[in-house]
PDB file of all heavy atoms in Angstrom:
ATOM      1  N   LYS A   1      90.495  15.533 -22.799  1.00  0.00           N
ATOM      2  CA  LYS A   1      90.663  14.202 -23.389  1.00  0.00           C
ATOM      3  C   LYS A   1      91.405  13.272 -22.429  1.00  0.00           C
ATOM      4  O   LYS A   1      91.017  12.099 -22.248  1.00  0.00           O
ATOM      5  CB  LYS A   1      91.428  14.321 -24.707  1.00  0.00           C
ATOM      6  CG  LYS A   1      91.614  12.993 -25.428  1.00  0.00           C
ATOM      7  CD  LYS A   1      92.357  13.190 -26.743  1.00  0.00           C
ATOM      8  CE  LYS A   1      92.548  11.853 -27.460  1.00  0.00           C
ATOM      9  NZ  LYS A   1      93.294  12.049 -28.741  1.00  0.00           N
ATOM     10  N   GLN A   2      92.440  13.777 -21.803  1.00  0.00           N
ATOM     11  CA  GLN A   2      93.185  12.964 -20.852  1.00  0.00           C
ATOM     12  C   GLN A   2      92.332  12.613 -19.637  1.00  0.00           C
ATOM     13  O   GLN A   2      92.403  11.492 -19.117  1.00  0.00           O
ATOM     14  CB  GLN A   2      94.454  13.710 -20.421  1.00  0.00           C
ATOM     15  CG  GLN A   2      95.484  13.841 -21.536  1.00  0.00           C
ATOM     16  CD  GLN A   2      96.685  14.670 -21.120  1.00  0.00           C
ATOM     17  OE1 GLN A   2      96.677  15.295 -20.062  1.00  0.00           O
ATOM     18  NE2 GLN A   2      97.709  14.689 -21.947  1.00  0.00           N
ATOM     19  N   LEU A   3      91.521  13.556 -19.181  1.00  0.00           N
ATOM     20  CA  LEU A   3      90.626  13.278 -18.051  1.00  0.00           C
ATOM     21  C   LEU A   3      89.600  12.211 -18.423  1.00  0.00           C
ATOM     22  O   LEU A   3      89.293  11.321 -17.615  1.00  0.00           O
ATOM     23  CB  LEU A   3      89.916  14.559 -17.610  1.00  0.00           C
ATOM     24  CG  LEU A   3      90.775  15.613 -16.911  1.00  0.00           C
ATOM     25  CD1 LEU A   3      89.927  16.826 -16.562  1.00  0.00           C
ATOM     26  CD2 LEU A   3      91.421  15.046 -15.658  1.00  0.00           C
ATOM     27  N   ARG A   4      89.054  12.295 -19.626  1.00  0.00           N
ATOM     28  CA  ARG A   4      88.070  11.288 -20.050  1.00  0.00           C
ATOM     29  C   ARG A   4      88.728   9.908 -20.162  1.00  0.00           C
ATOM     30  O   ARG A   4      88.135   8.898 -19.766  1.00  0.00           O
ATOM     31  CB  ARG A   4      87.453  11.690 -21.391  1.00  0.00           C
ATOM     32  CG  ARG A   4      86.438  12.824 -21.270  1.00  0.00           C
ATOM     33  CD  ARG A   4      85.521  12.849 -22.463  1.00  0.00           C
ATOM     34  NE  ARG A   4      84.569  13.926 -22.416  1.00  0.00           N
ATOM     35  CZ  ARG A   4      83.427  13.898 -21.739  1.00  0.00           C
ATOM     36  NH1 ARG A   4      83.120  12.818 -21.027  1.00  0.00           N
ATOM     37  NH2 ARG A   4      82.591  14.924 -21.775  1.00  0.00           N
ATOM     38  N   ASN A   5      89.932   9.857 -20.713  1.00  0.00           N
ATOM     39  CA  ASN A   5      90.635   8.569 -20.804  1.00  0.00           C
ATOM     40  C   ASN A   5      90.927   8.013 -19.411  1.00  0.00           C
ATOM     41  O   ASN A   5      90.816   6.800 -19.178  1.00  0.00           O
ATOM     42  CB  ASN A   5      91.944   8.740 -21.581  1.00  0.00           C
ATOM     43  CG  ASN A   5      91.709   9.002 -23.050  1.00  0.00           C
ATOM     44  OD1 ASN A   5      90.645   8.657 -23.588  1.00  0.00           O
ATOM     45  ND2 ASN A   5      92.664   9.601 -23.727  1.00  0.00           N
ATOM     46  N   LEU A   6      91.291   8.907 -18.493  1.00  0.00           N
ATOM     47  CA  LEU A   6      91.543   8.474 -17.115  1.00  0.00           C
ATOM     48  C   LEU A   6      90.269   7.923 -16.481  1.00  0.00           C
ATOM     49  O   LEU A   6      90.289   6.871 -15.832  1.00  0.00           O
ATOM     50  CB  LEU A   6      92.083   9.654 -16.305  1.00  0.00           C
ATOM     51  CG  LEU A   6      92.417   9.370 -14.837  1.00  0.00           C
ATOM     52  CD1 LEU A   6      93.577   8.382 -14.742  1.00  0.00           C
ATOM     53  CD2 LEU A   6      92.765  10.667 -14.110  1.00  0.00           C
ATOM     54  N   SER A   7      89.158   8.606 -16.681  1.00  0.00           N
ATOM     55  CA  SER A   7      87.881   8.152 -16.129  1.00  0.00           C
ATOM     56  C   SER A   7      87.480   6.812 -16.723  1.00  0.00           C
ATOM     57  O   SER A   7      87.016   5.908 -16.016  1.00  0.00           O
ATOM     58  CB  SER A   7      86.786   9.197 -16.393  1.00  0.00           C
ATOM     59  OG  SER A   7      87.121  10.434 -15.811  1.00  0.00           O
ATOM     60  N   LYS A   8      87.638   6.684 -18.040  1.00  0.00           N
ATOM     61  CA  LYS A   8      87.289   5.433 -18.715  1.00  0.00           C
ATOM     62  C   LYS A   8      88.140   4.279 -18.198  1.00  0.00           C
ATOM     63  O   LYS A   8      87.665   3.156 -18.037  1.00  0.00           O
ATOM     64  CB  LYS A   8      87.474   5.608 -20.219  1.00  0.00           C
ATOM     65  CG  LYS A   8      87.058   4.391 -21.033  1.00  0.00           C
ATOM     66  CD  LYS A   8      87.233   4.670 -22.520  1.00  0.00           C
ATOM     67  CE  LYS A   8      86.813   3.453 -23.352  1.00  0.00           C
ATOM     68  NZ  LYS A   8      87.004   3.728 -24.807  1.00  0.00           N
ATOM     69  N   LYS A   9      89.405   4.558 -17.923  1.00  0.00           N
ATOM     70  CA  LYS A   9      90.326   3.520 -17.461  1.00  0.00           C
ATOM     71  C   LYS A   9      89.915   2.988 -16.091  1.00  0.00           C
ATOM     72  O   LYS A   9      90.030   1.788 -15.821  1.00  0.00           O
ATOM     73  CB  LYS A   9      91.737   4.102 -17.406  1.00  0.00           C
ATOM     74  CG  LYS A   9      92.791   3.139 -16.880  1.00  0.00           C
ATOM     75  CD  LYS A   9      94.157   3.805 -16.867  1.00  0.00           C
ATOM     76  CE  LYS A   9      95.220   2.865 -16.281  1.00  0.00           C
ATOM     77  NZ  LYS A   9      96.551   3.523 -16.249  1.00  0.00           N
ATOM     78  N   TYR A  10      89.439   3.858 -15.222  1.00  0.00           N
ATOM     79  CA  TYR A  10      89.145   3.456 -13.845  1.00  0.00           C
ATOM     80  C   TYR A  10      87.664   3.239 -13.582  1.00  0.00           C
ATOM     81  O   TYR A  10      87.283   2.967 -12.443  1.00  0.00           O
ATOM     82  CB  TYR A  10      89.694   4.500 -12.864  1.00  0.00           C
ATOM     83  CG  TYR A  10      91.190   4.417 -12.726  1.00  0.00           C
ATOM     84  CD1 TYR A  10      92.022   5.192 -13.537  1.00  0.00           C
ATOM     85  CD2 TYR A  10      91.783   3.550 -11.819  1.00  0.00           C
ATOM     86  CE1 TYR A  10      93.399   5.111 -13.432  1.00  0.00           C
ATOM     87  CE2 TYR A  10      93.164   3.465 -11.703  1.00  0.00           C
ATOM     88  CZ  TYR A  10      93.972   4.245 -12.513  1.00  0.00           C
ATOM     89  OH  TYR A  10      95.328   4.163 -12.413  1.00  0.00           O
ATOM     90  N   LEU A  11      86.825   3.351 -14.618  1.00  0.00           N
ATOM     91  CA  LEU A  11      85.404   3.101 -14.437  1.00  0.00           C
ATOM     92  C   LEU A  11      85.167   1.606 -14.485  1.00  0.00           C
ATOM     93  O   LEU A  11      85.449   0.958 -15.499  1.00  0.00           O
ATOM     94  CB  LEU A  11      84.587   3.797 -15.530  1.00  0.00           C
ATOM     95  CG  LEU A  11      83.068   3.731 -15.375  1.00  0.00           C
ATOM     96  CD1 LEU A  11      82.651   4.449 -14.088  1.00  0.00           C
ATOM     97  CD2 LEU A  11      82.379   4.367 -16.574  1.00  0.00           C
ATOM     98  N   LYS A  12      84.671   1.024 -13.391  1.00  0.00           N
ATOM     99  CA  LYS A  12      84.520  -0.428 -13.300  1.00  0.00           C
ATOM    100  C   LYS A  12      83.243  -0.898 -13.965  1.00  0.00           C
ATOM    101  O   LYS A  12      82.225  -0.245 -13.944  1.00  0.00           O
ATOM    102  CB  LYS A  12      84.530  -0.865 -11.838  1.00  0.00           C
ATOM    103  CG  LYS A  12      85.887  -0.696 -11.168  1.00  0.00           C
ATOM    104  CD  LYS A  12      85.886  -1.282  -9.783  1.00  0.00           C
ATOM    105  CE  LYS A  12      87.272  -1.205  -9.160  1.00  0.00           C
ATOM    106  NZ  LYS A  12      87.309  -1.799  -7.827  1.00  0.00           N
ATOM    107  N   ARG A  13      83.349  -2.101 -14.538  1.00  0.00           N
ATOM    108  CA  ARG A  13      82.181  -2.735 -15.152  1.00  0.00           C
ATOM    109  C   ARG A  13      82.247  -4.227 -14.852  1.00  0.00           C
ATOM    110  O   ARG A  13      83.312  -4.778 -14.640  1.00  0.00           O
ATOM    111  CB  ARG A  13      82.150  -2.513 -16.670  1.00  0.00           C
ATOM    112  CG  ARG A  13      81.982  -1.054 -17.062  1.00  0.00           C
ATOM    113  CD  ARG A  13      81.953  -0.905 -18.573  1.00  0.00           C
ATOM    114  NE  ARG A  13      81.751   0.471 -18.970  1.00  0.00           N
ATOM    115  CZ  ARG A  13      82.716   1.363 -19.098  1.00  0.00           C
ATOM    116  NH1 ARG A  13      83.960   1.004 -18.863  1.00  0.00           N
ATOM    117  NH2 ARG A  13      82.463   2.612 -19.466  1.00  0.00           N
ATOM    118  N   GLY A  14      81.091  -4.890 -14.892  1.00  0.00           N
ATOM    119  CA  GLY A  14      81.063  -6.334 -14.674  1.00  0.00           C
ATOM    120  C   GLY A  14      80.435  -6.691 -13.345  1.00  0.00           C
ATOM    121  O   GLY A  14      80.347  -5.885 -12.423  1.00  0.00           O
ATOM    122  N   SER A  15      80.025  -7.938 -13.227  1.00  0.00           N
ATOM    123  CA  SER A  15      79.283  -8.382 -12.043  1.00  0.00           C
ATOM    124  C   SER A  15      80.133  -8.303 -10.778  1.00  0.00           C
ATOM    125  O   SER A  15      79.687  -7.862  -9.731  1.00  0.00           O
ATOM    126  CB  SER A  15      78.787  -9.814 -12.243  1.00  0.00           C
ATOM    127  OG  SER A  15      79.888 -10.678 -12.500  1.00  0.00           O
ATOM    128  N   LYS A  16      81.409  -8.719 -10.875  1.00  0.00           N
ATOM    129  CA  LYS A  16      82.262  -8.669  -9.692  1.00  0.00           C
ATOM    130  C   LYS A  16      82.491  -7.239  -9.244  1.00  0.00           C
ATOM    131  O   LYS A  16      82.448  -6.920  -8.056  1.00  0.00           O
ATOM    132  CB  LYS A  16      83.597  -9.343 -10.002  1.00  0.00           C
ATOM    133  CG  LYS A  16      84.550  -9.359  -8.809  1.00  0.00           C
ATOM    134  CD  LYS A  16      85.846 -10.040  -9.189  1.00  0.00           C
ATOM    135  CE  LYS A  16      86.811 -10.026  -7.999  1.00  0.00           C
ATOM    136  NZ  LYS A  16      88.107 -10.669  -8.332  1.00  0.00           N
ATOM    137  N   GLU A  17      82.697  -6.359 -10.218  1.00  0.00           N
ATOM    138  CA  GLU A  17      82.934  -4.960  -9.890  1.00  0.00           C
ATOM    139  C   GLU A  17      81.668  -4.308  -9.363  1.00  0.00           C
ATOM    140  O   GLU A  17      81.708  -3.448  -8.501  1.00  0.00           O
ATOM    141  CB  GLU A  17      83.457  -4.228 -11.122  1.00  0.00           C
ATOM    142  CG  GLU A  17      84.861  -4.704 -11.511  1.00  0.00           C
ATOM    143  CD  GLU A  17      85.242  -4.306 -12.920  1.00  0.00           C
ATOM    144  OE1 GLU A  17      84.329  -3.910 -13.665  1.00  0.00           O
ATOM    145  OE2 GLU A  17      86.427  -4.385 -13.260  1.00  0.00           O
ATOM    146  N   GLU A  18      80.505  -4.725  -9.893  1.00  0.00           N
ATOM    147  CA  GLU A  18      79.242  -4.197  -9.373  1.00  0.00           C
ATOM    148  C   GLU A  18      79.058  -4.607  -7.914  1.00  0.00           C
ATOM    149  O   GLU A  18      78.549  -3.848  -7.103  1.00  0.00           O
ATOM    150  CB  GLU A  18      78.081  -4.705 -10.224  1.00  0.00           C
ATOM    151  CG  GLU A  18      78.042  -4.080 -11.625  1.00  0.00           C
ATOM    152  CD  GLU A  18      76.962  -4.706 -12.486  1.00  0.00           C
ATOM    153  OE1 GLU A  18      76.296  -5.634 -11.987  1.00  0.00           O
ATOM    154  OE2 GLU A  18      76.796  -4.268 -13.630  1.00  0.00           O
ATOM    155  N   GLN A  19      79.485  -5.833  -7.592  1.00  0.00           N
ATOM    156  CA  GLN A  19      79.362  -6.277  -6.215  1.00  0.00           C
ATOM    157  C   GLN A  19      80.280  -5.463  -5.314  1.00  0.00           C
ATOM    158  O   GLN A  19      79.913  -5.078  -4.210  1.00  0.00           O
ATOM    159  CB  GLN A  19      79.720  -7.764  -6.117  1.00  0.00           C
ATOM    160  CG  GLN A  19      79.527  -8.349  -4.710  1.00  0.00           C
ATOM    161  CD  GLN A  19      79.856  -9.826  -4.660  1.00  0.00           C
ATOM    162  OE1 GLN A  19      80.355 -10.375  -5.622  1.00  0.00           O
ATOM    163  NE2 GLN A  19      79.582 -10.450  -3.535  1.00  0.00           N
ATOM    164  N   GLU A  20      81.497  -5.171  -5.802  1.00  0.00           N
ATOM    165  CA  GLU A  20      82.423  -4.363  -5.016  1.00  0.00           C
ATOM    166  C   GLU A  20      81.870  -2.962  -4.766  1.00  0.00           C
ATOM    167  O   GLU A  20      82.138  -2.353  -3.748  1.00  0.00           O
ATOM    168  CB  GLU A  20      83.766  -4.269  -5.734  1.00  0.00           C
ATOM    169  CG  GLU A  20      84.556  -5.571  -5.719  1.00  0.00           C
ATOM    170  CD  GLU A  20      85.866  -5.456  -6.468  1.00  0.00           C
ATOM    171  OE1 GLU A  20      86.051  -4.430  -7.153  1.00  0.00           O
ATOM    172  OE2 GLU A  20      86.692  -6.382  -6.367  1.00  0.00           O
ATOM    173  N   CYS A  21      81.076  -2.457  -5.728  1.00  0.00           N
ATOM    174  CA  CYS A  21      80.509  -1.117  -5.565  1.00  0.00           C
ATOM    175  C   CYS A  21      79.457  -1.058  -4.472  1.00  0.00           C
ATOM    176  O   CYS A  21      78.953  -0.005  -4.150  1.00  0.00           O
ATOM    177  CB  CYS A  21      79.915  -0.629  -6.899  1.00  0.00           C
ATOM    178  SG  CYS A  21      81.188  -0.132  -8.084  1.00  0.00           S
ATOM    179  N   GLY A  22      79.107  -2.239  -3.911  1.00  0.00           N
ATOM    180  CA  GLY A  22      78.204  -2.232  -2.776  1.00  0.00           C
ATOM    181  C   GLY A  22      78.853  -1.650  -1.541  1.00  0.00           C
ATOM    182  O   GLY A  22      78.167  -1.250  -0.602  1.00  0.00           O
ATOM    183  N   PHE A  23      80.173  -1.601  -1.521  1.00  0.00           N
ATOM    184  CA  PHE A  23      80.906  -1.004  -0.400  1.00  0.00           C
ATOM    185  C   PHE A  23      81.060   0.493  -0.651  1.00  0.00           C
ATOM    186  O   PHE A  23      81.313   0.920  -1.777  1.00  0.00           O
ATOM    187  CB  PHE A  23      82.275  -1.658  -0.253  1.00  0.00           C
ATOM    188  CG  PHE A  23      82.216  -3.130   0.024  1.00  0.00           C
ATOM    189  CD1 PHE A  23      82.568  -4.040  -0.951  1.00  0.00           C
ATOM    190  CD2 PHE A  23      81.804  -3.593   1.252  1.00  0.00           C
ATOM    191  CE1 PHE A  23      82.522  -5.401  -0.707  1.00  0.00           C
ATOM    192  CE2 PHE A  23      81.752  -4.955   1.514  1.00  0.00           C
ATOM    193  CZ  PHE A  23      82.108  -5.863   0.538  1.00  0.00           C
ATOM    194  N   THR A  24      80.932   1.262   0.417  1.00  0.00           N
ATOM    195  CA  THR A  24      80.949   2.722   0.249  1.00  0.00           C
ATOM    196  C   THR A  24      82.284   3.227  -0.282  1.00  0.00           C
ATOM    197  O   THR A  24      82.316   4.169  -1.072  1.00  0.00           O
ATOM    198  CB  THR A  24      80.650   3.418   1.588  1.00  0.00           C
ATOM    199  OG1 THR A  24      81.656   3.056   2.556  1.00  0.00           O
ATOM    200  CG2 THR A  24      79.287   3.017   2.122  1.00  0.00           C
ATOM    201  N   ASN A  25      83.403   2.590   0.131  1.00  0.00           N
ATOM    202  CA  ASN A  25      84.688   3.088  -0.357  1.00  0.00           C
ATOM    203  C   ASN A  25      84.874   2.805  -1.838  1.00  0.00           C
ATOM    204  O   ASN A  25      85.473   3.591  -2.558  1.00  0.00           O
ATOM    205  CB  ASN A  25      85.844   2.524   0.463  1.00  0.00           C
ATOM    206  CG  ASN A  25      85.927   1.002   0.405  1.00  0.00           C
ATOM    207  OD1 ASN A  25      86.760   0.442  -0.291  1.00  0.00           O
ATOM    208  ND2 ASN A  25      85.059   0.301   1.127  1.00  0.00           N
ATOM    209  N   HIS A  26      84.329   1.664  -2.334  1.00  0.00           N
ATOM    210  CA  HIS A  26      84.373   1.375  -3.769  1.00  0.00           C
ATOM    211  C   HIS A  26      83.422   2.290  -4.535  1.00  0.00           C
ATOM    212  O   HIS A  26      83.784   2.835  -5.587  1.00  0.00           O
ATOM    213  CB  HIS A  26      83.997  -0.093  -4.028  1.00  0.00           C
ATOM    214  CG  HIS A  26      85.066  -1.065  -3.645  1.00  0.00           C
ATOM    215  ND1 HIS A  26      86.059  -1.465  -4.495  1.00  0.00           N
ATOM    216  CD2 HIS A  26      85.306  -1.700  -2.469  1.00  0.00           C
ATOM    217  CE1 HIS A  26      86.850  -2.321  -3.882  1.00  0.00           C
ATOM    218  NE2 HIS A  26      86.421  -2.480  -2.644  1.00  0.00           N
ATOM    219  N   GLN A  27      82.205   2.443  -4.019  1.00  0.00           N
ATOM    220  CA  GLN A  27      81.210   3.268  -4.690  1.00  0.00           C
ATOM    221  C   GLN A  27      81.641   4.736  -4.732  1.00  0.00           C
ATOM    222  O   GLN A  27      81.442   5.427  -5.735  1.00  0.00           O
ATOM    223  CB  GLN A  27      79.853   3.140  -3.996  1.00  0.00           C
ATOM    224  CG  GLN A  27      78.731   3.900  -4.670  1.00  0.00           C
ATOM    225  CD  GLN A  27      78.530   3.484  -6.107  1.00  0.00           C
ATOM    226  OE1 GLN A  27      78.359   2.294  -6.395  1.00  0.00           O
ATOM    227  NE2 GLN A  27      78.544   4.427  -7.037  1.00  0.00           N
TER     228      GLN A  27
END
């Protein structure tokens, strides 16, 4: 449960975050 909450907290969403995921270190 703690791992899932941690993953949910740091999982990015949104157009700006999607653009950041274009970089290998973000992705």
